[in-house]
Amino acid sequence: GTGKTNAPLTARTRVGGGWNTYTELVSAGDLNS
């Protein structure tokens, strides 16, 4: 995220492959503090 309305996101960067093994992904916050 950039915080800018006219360009809110940067170009993408690859995290990795194999994520289609999951049925659901959820942003969970900071679970372990």
Full PDB file with SEQRES, HELIX, SHEET, SSBOND, CRYST1, ORIGX, SCALE, CONECT and MASTER records, all heavy atoms in Angstrom:
SEQRES   1 A   33  GLY THR GLY LYS THR ASN ALA PRO LEU THR ALA ARG THR          
SEQRES   2 A   33  ARG VAL GLY GLY GLY TRP ASN THR TYR THR GLU LEU VAL          
SEQRES   3 A   33  SER ALA GLY ASP LEU ASN SER                                  
HELIX    1 AA1 TRP A   19  THR A   21  5                                   3    
CRYST1    1.000    1.000    1.000  90.00  90.00  90.00 P 1           1          
ORIGX1      1.000000  0.000000  0.000000        0.00000                         
ORIGX2      0.000000  1.000000  0.000000        0.00000                         
ORIGX3      0.000000  0.000000  1.000000        0.00000                         
SCALE1      1.000000  0.000000  0.000000        0.00000                         
SCALE2      0.000000  1.000000  0.000000        0.00000                         
SCALE3      0.000000  0.000000  1.000000        0.00000                         
ATOM      1  N   GLY A   1       0.825  -1.198   0.000  1.00  0.00           N  
ATOM      2  CA  GLY A   1       0.000   0.000   0.000  1.00  0.00           C  
ATOM      3  C   GLY A   1       0.861   1.250   0.000  1.00  0.00           C  
ATOM      4  O   GLY A   1       1.933   1.274   0.617  1.00  0.00           O  
ATOM      5  N   THR A   2       0.379   2.292  -0.678  1.00  0.00           N  
ATOM      6  CA  THR A   2       1.131   3.546  -0.748  1.00  0.00           C  
ATOM      7  C   THR A   2       0.510   4.656   0.087  1.00  0.00           C  
ATOM      8  O   THR A   2       1.175   5.633   0.393  1.00  0.00           O  
ATOM      9  CB  THR A   2       1.213   4.049  -2.201  1.00  0.00           C  
ATOM     10  OG1 THR A   2      -0.115   4.377  -2.642  1.00  0.00           O  
ATOM     11  CG2 THR A   2       1.850   3.016  -3.116  1.00  0.00           C  
ATOM     12  N   GLY A   3      -0.778   4.523   0.403  1.00  0.00           N  
ATOM     13  CA  GLY A   3      -1.485   5.592   1.101  1.00  0.00           C  
ATOM     14  C   GLY A   3      -1.982   6.681   0.167  1.00  0.00           C  
ATOM     15  O   GLY A   3      -2.549   7.669   0.613  1.00  0.00           O  
ATOM     16  N   LYS A   4      -1.784   6.526  -1.146  1.00  0.00           N  
ATOM     17  CA  LYS A   4      -2.190   7.520  -2.135  1.00  0.00           C  
ATOM     18  C   LYS A   4      -3.448   7.059  -2.865  1.00  0.00           C  
ATOM     19  O   LYS A   4      -3.508   5.932  -3.349  1.00  0.00           O  
ATOM     20  CB  LYS A   4      -1.079   7.744  -3.159  1.00  0.00           C  
ATOM     21  CG  LYS A   4       0.213   8.232  -2.546  1.00  0.00           C  
ATOM     22  CD  LYS A   4       1.300   8.287  -3.589  1.00  0.00           C  
ATOM     23  CE  LYS A   4       2.630   8.643  -2.944  1.00  0.00           C  
ATOM     24  NZ  LYS A   4       3.746   8.541  -3.907  1.00  0.00           N  
ATOM     25  N   THR A   5      -4.423   7.932  -2.970  1.00  0.00           N  
ATOM     26  CA  THR A   5      -5.676   7.578  -3.627  1.00  0.00           C  
ATOM     27  C   THR A   5      -5.494   7.286  -5.106  1.00  0.00           C  
ATOM     28  O   THR A   5      -6.067   6.346  -5.636  1.00  0.00           O  
ATOM     29  CB  THR A   5      -6.708   8.714  -3.468  1.00  0.00           C  
ATOM     30  OG1 THR A   5      -6.870   8.980  -2.074  1.00  0.00           O  
ATOM     31  CG2 THR A   5      -8.045   8.363  -4.067  1.00  0.00           C  
ATOM     32  N   ASN A   6      -4.681   8.077  -5.791  1.00  0.00           N  
ATOM     33  CA  ASN A   6      -4.541   7.912  -7.233  1.00  0.00           C  
ATOM     34  C   ASN A   6      -3.657   6.729  -7.625  1.00  0.00           C  
ATOM     35  O   ASN A   6      -3.697   6.276  -8.756  1.00  0.00           O  
ATOM     36  CB  ASN A   6      -4.016   9.190  -7.876  1.00  0.00           C  
ATOM     37  CG  ASN A   6      -2.650   9.587  -7.348  1.00  0.00           C  
ATOM     38  OD1 ASN A   6      -2.232   9.136  -6.283  1.00  0.00           O  
ATOM     39  ND2 ASN A   6      -1.957  10.435  -8.080  1.00  0.00           N  
ATOM     40  N   ALA A   7      -2.846   6.225  -6.715  1.00  0.00           N  
ATOM     41  CA  ALA A   7      -1.994   5.047  -6.953  1.00  0.00           C  
ATOM     42  C   ALA A   7      -1.835   4.313  -5.621  1.00  0.00           C  
ATOM     43  O   ALA A   7      -0.790   4.388  -4.983  1.00  0.00           O  
ATOM     44  CB  ALA A   7      -0.647   5.464  -7.520  1.00  0.00           C  
ATOM     45  N   PRO A   8      -2.883   3.599  -5.182  1.00  0.00           N  
ATOM     46  CA  PRO A   8      -2.880   3.030  -3.836  1.00  0.00           C  
ATOM     47  C   PRO A   8      -1.957   1.835  -3.622  1.00  0.00           C  
ATOM     48  O   PRO A   8      -1.680   1.477  -2.480  1.00  0.00           O  
ATOM     49  CB  PRO A   8      -4.333   2.632  -3.608  1.00  0.00           C  
ATOM     50  CG  PRO A   8      -4.884   2.418  -4.975  1.00  0.00           C  
ATOM     51  CD  PRO A   8      -4.152   3.374  -5.869  1.00  0.00           C  
ATOM     52  N   LEU A   9      -1.476   1.221  -4.708  1.00  0.00           N  
ATOM     53  CA  LEU A   9      -0.652   0.023  -4.580  1.00  0.00           C  
ATOM     54  C   LEU A   9       0.594   0.136  -5.450  1.00  0.00           C  
ATOM     55  O   LEU A   9       0.561   0.706  -6.537  1.00  0.00           O  
ATOM     56  CB  LEU A   9      -1.444  -1.220  -5.011  1.00  0.00           C  
ATOM     57  CG  LEU A   9      -2.735  -1.500  -4.251  1.00  0.00           C  
ATOM     58  CD1 LEU A   9      -3.535  -2.578  -4.949  1.00  0.00           C  
ATOM     59  CD2 LEU A   9      -2.446  -1.874  -2.814  1.00  0.00           C  
ATOM     60  N   THR A  10       1.692  -0.462  -4.969  1.00  0.00           N  
ATOM     61  CA  THR A  10       2.904  -0.551  -5.770  1.00  0.00           C  
ATOM     62  C   THR A  10       2.773  -1.704  -6.753  1.00  0.00           C  
ATOM     63  O   THR A  10       1.810  -2.472  -6.704  1.00  0.00           O  
ATOM     64  CB  THR A  10       4.136  -0.806  -4.885  1.00  0.00           C  
ATOM     65  OG1 THR A  10       3.987  -2.090  -4.248  1.00  0.00           O  
ATOM     66  CG2 THR A  10       4.317   0.280  -3.836  1.00  0.00           C  
ATOM     67  N   ALA A  11       3.756  -1.859  -7.604  1.00  0.00           N  
ATOM     68  CA  ALA A  11       3.813  -3.038  -8.464  1.00  0.00           C  
ATOM     69  C   ALA A  11       3.926  -4.277  -7.579  1.00  0.00           C  
ATOM     70  O   ALA A  11       4.487  -4.219  -6.479  1.00  0.00           O  
ATOM     71  CB  ALA A  11       4.999  -2.941  -9.419  1.00  0.00           C  
ATOM     72  N   ARG A  12       3.436  -5.370  -8.043  1.00  0.00           N  
ATOM     73  CA  ARG A  12       3.418  -6.589  -7.241  1.00  0.00           C  
ATOM     74  C   ARG A  12       4.815  -7.190  -7.104  1.00  0.00           C  
ATOM     75  O   ARG A  12       5.666  -7.045  -7.982  1.00  0.00           O  
ATOM     76  CB  ARG A  12       2.455  -7.613  -7.833  1.00  0.00           C  
ATOM     77  CG  ARG A  12       2.913  -8.182  -9.161  1.00  0.00           C  
ATOM     78  CD  ARG A  12       1.875  -9.102  -9.755  1.00  0.00           C  
ATOM     79  NE  ARG A  12       2.418  -9.799 -10.925  1.00  0.00           N  
ATOM     80  CZ  ARG A  12       1.762 -10.718 -11.601  1.00  0.00           C  
ATOM     81  NH1 ARG A  12       0.538 -11.053 -11.240  1.00  0.00           N  
ATOM     82  NH2 ARG A  12       2.318 -11.311 -12.627  1.00  0.00           N  
ATOM     83  N   THR A  13       5.000  -7.912  -5.980  1.00  0.00           N  
ATOM     84  CA  THR A  13       6.208  -8.713  -5.781  1.00  0.00           C  
ATOM     85  C   THR A  13       5.765 -10.125  -5.439  1.00  0.00           C  
ATOM     86  O   THR A  13       4.776 -10.339  -4.739  1.00  0.00           O  
ATOM     87  CB  THR A  13       7.117  -8.160  -4.660  1.00  0.00           C  
ATOM     88  OG1 THR A  13       6.362  -8.067  -3.447  1.00  0.00           O  
ATOM     89  CG2 THR A  13       7.661  -6.794  -5.019  1.00  0.00           C  
ATOM     90  N   ARG A  14       6.503 -11.092  -5.933  1.00  0.00           N  
ATOM     91  CA  ARG A  14       6.147 -12.504  -5.758  1.00  0.00           C  
ATOM     92  C   ARG A  14       6.501 -12.966  -4.354  1.00  0.00           C  
ATOM     93  O   ARG A  14       7.637 -12.824  -3.907  1.00  0.00           O  
ATOM     94  CB  ARG A  14       6.896 -13.338  -6.785  1.00  0.00           C  
ATOM     95  CG  ARG A  14       6.460 -14.782  -6.873  1.00  0.00           C  
ATOM     96  CD  ARG A  14       7.251 -15.494  -7.988  1.00  0.00           C  
ATOM     97  NE  ARG A  14       6.651 -16.721  -8.408  1.00  0.00           N  
ATOM     98  CZ  ARG A  14       6.910 -17.903  -7.846  1.00  0.00           C  
ATOM     99  NH1 ARG A  14       7.766 -18.000  -6.863  1.00  0.00           N  
ATOM    100  NH2 ARG A  14       6.320 -18.990  -8.302  1.00  0.00           N  
ATOM    101  N   VAL A  15       5.521 -13.525  -3.651  1.00  0.00           N  
ATOM    102  CA  VAL A  15       5.750 -14.120  -2.333  1.00  0.00           C  
ATOM    103  C   VAL A  15       6.200 -15.561  -2.500  1.00  0.00           C  
ATOM    104  O   VAL A  15       7.139 -16.010  -1.862  1.00  0.00           O  
ATOM    105  CB  VAL A  15       4.487 -14.032  -1.451  1.00  0.00           C  
ATOM    106  CG1 VAL A  15       4.679 -14.765  -0.141  1.00  0.00           C  
ATOM    107  CG2 VAL A  15       4.115 -12.573  -1.210  1.00  0.00           C  
ATOM    108  N   GLY A  16       5.522 -16.320  -3.368  1.00  0.00           N  
ATOM    109  CA  GLY A  16       5.885 -17.711  -3.596  1.00  0.00           C  
ATOM    110  C   GLY A  16       4.766 -18.484  -4.249  1.00  0.00           C  
ATOM    111  O   GLY A  16       3.648 -17.999  -4.384  1.00  0.00           O  
ATOM    112  N   GLY A  17       5.058 -19.711  -4.631  1.00  0.00           N  
ATOM    113  CA  GLY A  17       4.089 -20.575  -5.282  1.00  0.00           C  
ATOM    114  C   GLY A  17       3.504 -21.600  -4.326  1.00  0.00           C  
ATOM    115  O   GLY A  17       3.896 -21.690  -3.158  1.00  0.00           O  
ATOM    116  N   GLY A  18       2.543 -22.361  -4.821  1.00  0.00           N  
ATOM    117  CA  GLY A  18       1.936 -23.436  -4.046  1.00  0.00           C  
ATOM    118  C   GLY A  18       0.787 -23.008  -3.156  1.00  0.00           C  
ATOM    119  O   GLY A  18       0.275 -23.811  -2.373  1.00  0.00           O  
ATOM    120  N   TRP A  19       0.345 -21.773  -3.269  1.00  0.00           N  
ATOM    121  CA  TRP A  19      -0.710 -21.266  -2.384  1.00  0.00           C  
ATOM    122  C   TRP A  19      -2.102 -21.731  -2.800  1.00  0.00           C  
ATOM    123  O   TRP A  19      -3.068 -21.518  -2.064  1.00  0.00           O  
ATOM    124  CB  TRP A  19      -0.633 -19.741  -2.314  1.00  0.00           C  
ATOM    125  CG  TRP A  19       0.560 -19.282  -1.540  1.00  0.00           C  
ATOM    126  CD1 TRP A  19       1.830 -19.131  -2.017  1.00  0.00           C  
ATOM    127  CD2 TRP A  19       0.612 -18.968  -0.160  1.00  0.00           C  
ATOM    128  NE1 TRP A  19       2.671 -18.733  -1.011  1.00  0.00           N  
ATOM    129  CE2 TRP A  19       1.948 -18.620   0.149  1.00  0.00           C  
ATOM    130  CE3 TRP A  19      -0.332 -18.940   0.865  1.00  0.00           C  
ATOM    131  CZ2 TRP A  19       2.350 -18.243   1.418  1.00  0.00           C  
ATOM    132  CZ3 TRP A  19       0.070 -18.555   2.133  1.00  0.00           C  
ATOM    133  CH2 TRP A  19       1.387 -18.219   2.397  1.00  0.00           C  
ATOM    134  N   ASN A  20      -2.230 -22.412  -3.947  1.00  0.00           N  
ATOM    135  CA  ASN A  20      -3.538 -22.930  -4.333  1.00  0.00           C  
ATOM    136  C   ASN A  20      -3.903 -24.187  -3.554  1.00  0.00           C  
ATOM    137  O   ASN A  20      -4.989 -24.718  -3.703  1.00  0.00           O  
ATOM    138  CB  ASN A  20      -3.620 -23.170  -5.843  1.00  0.00           C  
ATOM    139  CG  ASN A  20      -2.486 -24.018  -6.373  1.00  0.00           C  
ATOM    140  OD1 ASN A  20      -1.551 -24.343  -5.643  1.00  0.00           O  
ATOM    141  ND2 ASN A  20      -2.540 -24.364  -7.639  1.00  0.00           N  
ATOM    142  N   THR A  21      -3.029 -24.646  -2.691  1.00  0.00           N  
ATOM    143  CA  THR A  21      -3.351 -25.754  -1.795  1.00  0.00           C  
ATOM    144  C   THR A  21      -4.352 -25.328  -0.713  1.00  0.00           C  
ATOM    145  O   THR A  21      -4.963 -26.178  -0.075  1.00  0.00           O  
ATOM    146  CB  THR A  21      -2.065 -26.327  -1.153  1.00  0.00           C  
ATOM    147  OG1 THR A  21      -2.389 -27.507  -0.439  1.00  0.00           O  
ATOM    148  CG2 THR A  21      -1.432 -25.351  -0.191  1.00  0.00           C  
ATOM    149  N   TYR A  22      -4.507 -24.021  -0.563  1.00  0.00           N  
ATOM    150  CA  TYR A  22      -5.397 -23.506   0.488  1.00  0.00           C  
ATOM    151  C   TYR A  22      -6.768 -23.150  -0.055  1.00  0.00           C  
ATOM    152  O   TYR A  22      -6.894 -22.596  -1.143  1.00  0.00           O  
ATOM    153  CB  TYR A  22      -4.773 -22.285   1.163  1.00  0.00           C  
ATOM    154  CG  TYR A  22      -3.464 -22.610   1.827  1.00  0.00           C  
ATOM    155  CD1 TYR A  22      -2.279 -22.056   1.382  1.00  0.00           C  
ATOM    156  CD2 TYR A  22      -3.414 -23.508   2.884  1.00  0.00           C  
ATOM    157  CE1 TYR A  22      -1.070 -22.370   1.978  1.00  0.00           C  
ATOM    158  CE2 TYR A  22      -2.211 -23.834   3.484  1.00  0.00           C  
ATOM    159  CZ  TYR A  22      -1.043 -23.262   3.027  1.00  0.00           C  
ATOM    160  OH  TYR A  22       0.151 -23.584   3.611  1.00  0.00           O  
ATOM    161  N   THR A  23      -7.779 -23.456   0.743  1.00  0.00           N  
ATOM    162  CA  THR A  23      -9.148 -23.110   0.385  1.00  0.00           C  
ATOM    163  C   THR A  23      -9.489 -21.695   0.816  1.00  0.00           C  
ATOM    164  O   THR A  23     -10.402 -21.088   0.267  1.00  0.00           O  
ATOM    165  CB  THR A  23     -10.147 -24.091   1.018  1.00  0.00           C  
ATOM    166  OG1 THR A  23      -9.947 -24.109   2.434  1.00  0.00           O  
ATOM    167  CG2 THR A  23      -9.956 -25.488   0.461  1.00  0.00           C  
ATOM    168  N   GLU A  24      -8.772 -21.180   1.809  1.00  0.00           N  
ATOM    169  CA  GLU A  24      -9.038 -19.822   2.287  1.00  0.00           C  
ATOM    170  C   GLU A  24      -7.787 -19.231   2.929  1.00  0.00           C  
ATOM    171  O   GLU A  24      -7.032 -19.929   3.606  1.00  0.00           O  
ATOM    172  CB  GLU A  24     -10.184 -19.835   3.295  1.00  0.00           C  
ATOM    173  CG  GLU A  24     -10.750 -18.482   3.563  1.00  0.00           C  
ATOM    174  CD  GLU A  24     -12.157 -18.527   4.132  1.00  0.00           C  
ATOM    175  OE1 GLU A  24     -12.693 -19.605   4.391  1.00  0.00           O  
ATOM    176  OE2 GLU A  24     -12.706 -17.438   4.322  1.00  0.00           O  
ATOM    177  N   LEU A  25      -7.596 -17.943   2.705  1.00  0.00           N  
ATOM    178  CA  LEU A  25      -6.513 -17.170   3.307  1.00  0.00           C  
ATOM    179  C   LEU A  25      -7.131 -15.989   4.043  1.00  0.00           C  
ATOM    180  O   LEU A  25      -8.047 -15.352   3.516  1.00  0.00           O  
ATOM    181  CB  LEU A  25      -5.556 -16.640   2.237  1.00  0.00           C  
ATOM    182  CG  LEU A  25      -4.908 -17.660   1.311  1.00  0.00           C  
ATOM    183  CD1 LEU A  25      -4.177 -16.940   0.170  1.00  0.00           C  
ATOM    184  CD2 LEU A  25      -3.948 -18.536   2.088  1.00  0.00           C  
ATOM    185  N   VAL A  26      -6.619 -15.695   5.238  1.00  0.00           N  
ATOM    186  CA  VAL A  26      -7.171 -14.595   6.031  1.00  0.00           C  
ATOM    187  C   VAL A  26      -6.050 -13.817   6.687  1.00  0.00           C  
ATOM    188  O   VAL A  26      -5.166 -14.402   7.336  1.00  0.00           O  
ATOM    189  CB  VAL A  26      -8.140 -15.129   7.121  1.00  0.00           C  
ATOM    190  CG1 VAL A  26      -8.577 -14.015   8.050  1.00  0.00           C  
ATOM    191  CG2 VAL A  26      -9.341 -15.785   6.487  1.00  0.00           C  
ATOM    192  N   SER A  27      -6.105 -12.507   6.529  1.00  0.00           N  
ATOM    193  CA  SER A  27      -5.206 -11.624   7.254  1.00  0.00           C  
ATOM    194  C   SER A  27      -5.638 -11.649   8.716  1.00  0.00           C  
ATOM    195  O   SER A  27      -6.793 -11.369   9.028  1.00  0.00           O  
ATOM    196  CB  SER A  27      -5.306 -10.212   6.687  1.00  0.00           C  
ATOM    197  OG  SER A  27      -4.483  -9.340   7.394  1.00  0.00           O  
ATOM    198  N   ALA A  28      -4.736 -12.015   9.604  1.00  0.00           N  
ATOM    199  CA  ALA A  28      -5.118 -12.308  10.985  1.00  0.00           C  
ATOM    200  C   ALA A  28      -4.665 -11.271  11.998  1.00  0.00           C  
ATOM    201  O   ALA A  28      -4.869 -11.455  13.189  1.00  0.00           O  
ATOM    202  CB  ALA A  28      -4.552 -13.675  11.379  1.00  0.00           C  
ATOM    203  N   GLY A  29      -4.032 -10.188  11.570  1.00  0.00           N  
ATOM    204  CA  GLY A  29      -3.477  -9.243  12.537  1.00  0.00           C  
ATOM    205  C   GLY A  29      -2.218  -9.841  13.146  1.00  0.00           C  
ATOM    206  O   GLY A  29      -1.659 -10.810  12.650  1.00  0.00           O  
ATOM    207  N   ASP A  30      -1.790  -9.280  14.245  1.00  0.00           N  
ATOM    208  CA  ASP A  30      -0.576  -9.739  14.924  1.00  0.00           C  
ATOM    209  C   ASP A  30      -0.957 -10.728  16.021  1.00  0.00           C  
ATOM    210  O   ASP A  30      -1.083 -10.368  17.184  1.00  0.00           O  
ATOM    211  CB  ASP A  30       0.172  -8.530  15.495  1.00  0.00           C  
ATOM    212  CG  ASP A  30       1.498  -8.890  16.119  1.00  0.00           C  
ATOM    213  OD1 ASP A  30       1.916 -10.061  16.032  1.00  0.00           O  
ATOM    214  OD2 ASP A  30       2.118  -7.997  16.726  1.00  0.00           O  
ATOM    215  N   LEU A  31      -1.136 -11.974  15.657  1.00  0.00           N  
ATOM    216  CA  LEU A  31      -1.626 -12.981  16.606  1.00  0.00           C  
ATOM    217  C   LEU A  31      -0.652 -13.302  17.732  1.00  0.00           C  
ATOM    218  O   LEU A  31      -1.065 -13.678  18.825  1.00  0.00           O  
ATOM    219  CB  LEU A  31      -1.977 -14.278  15.866  1.00  0.00           C  
ATOM    220  CG  LEU A  31      -3.186 -14.201  14.956  1.00  0.00           C  
ATOM    221  CD1 LEU A  31      -3.376 -15.518  14.219  1.00  0.00           C  
ATOM    222  CD2 LEU A  31      -4.436 -13.854  15.749  1.00  0.00           C  
ATOM    223  N   ASN A  32       0.643 -13.201  17.485  1.00  0.00           N  
ATOM    224  CA  ASN A  32       1.616 -13.586  18.513  1.00  0.00           C  
ATOM    225  C   ASN A  32       2.356 -12.388  19.115  1.00  0.00           C  
ATOM    226  O   ASN A  32       3.361 -12.560  19.799  1.00  0.00           O  
ATOM    227  CB  ASN A  32       2.617 -14.590  17.937  1.00  0.00           C  
ATOM    228  CG  ASN A  32       3.364 -14.048  16.740  1.00  0.00           C  
ATOM    229  OD1 ASN A  32       3.090 -12.960  16.272  1.00  0.00           O  
ATOM    230  ND2 ASN A  32       4.304 -14.816  16.247  1.00  0.00           N  
ATOM    231  N   SER A  33       1.849 -11.196  18.876  1.00  0.00           N  
ATOM    232  CA  SER A  33       2.366  -9.966  19.504  1.00  0.00           C  
ATOM    233  C   SER A  33       3.851  -9.732  19.264  1.00  0.00           C  
ATOM    234  O   SER A  33       4.556  -9.234  20.133  1.00  0.00           O  
ATOM    235  CB  SER A  33       2.076  -9.980  21.017  1.00  0.00           C  
ATOM    236  OG  SER A  33       0.700 -10.079  21.262  1.00  0.00           O  
TER     237      SER A  33                                                      
MASTER        0    0    0    1    0    0    0    6  236    1    0    3          
END                                                                             
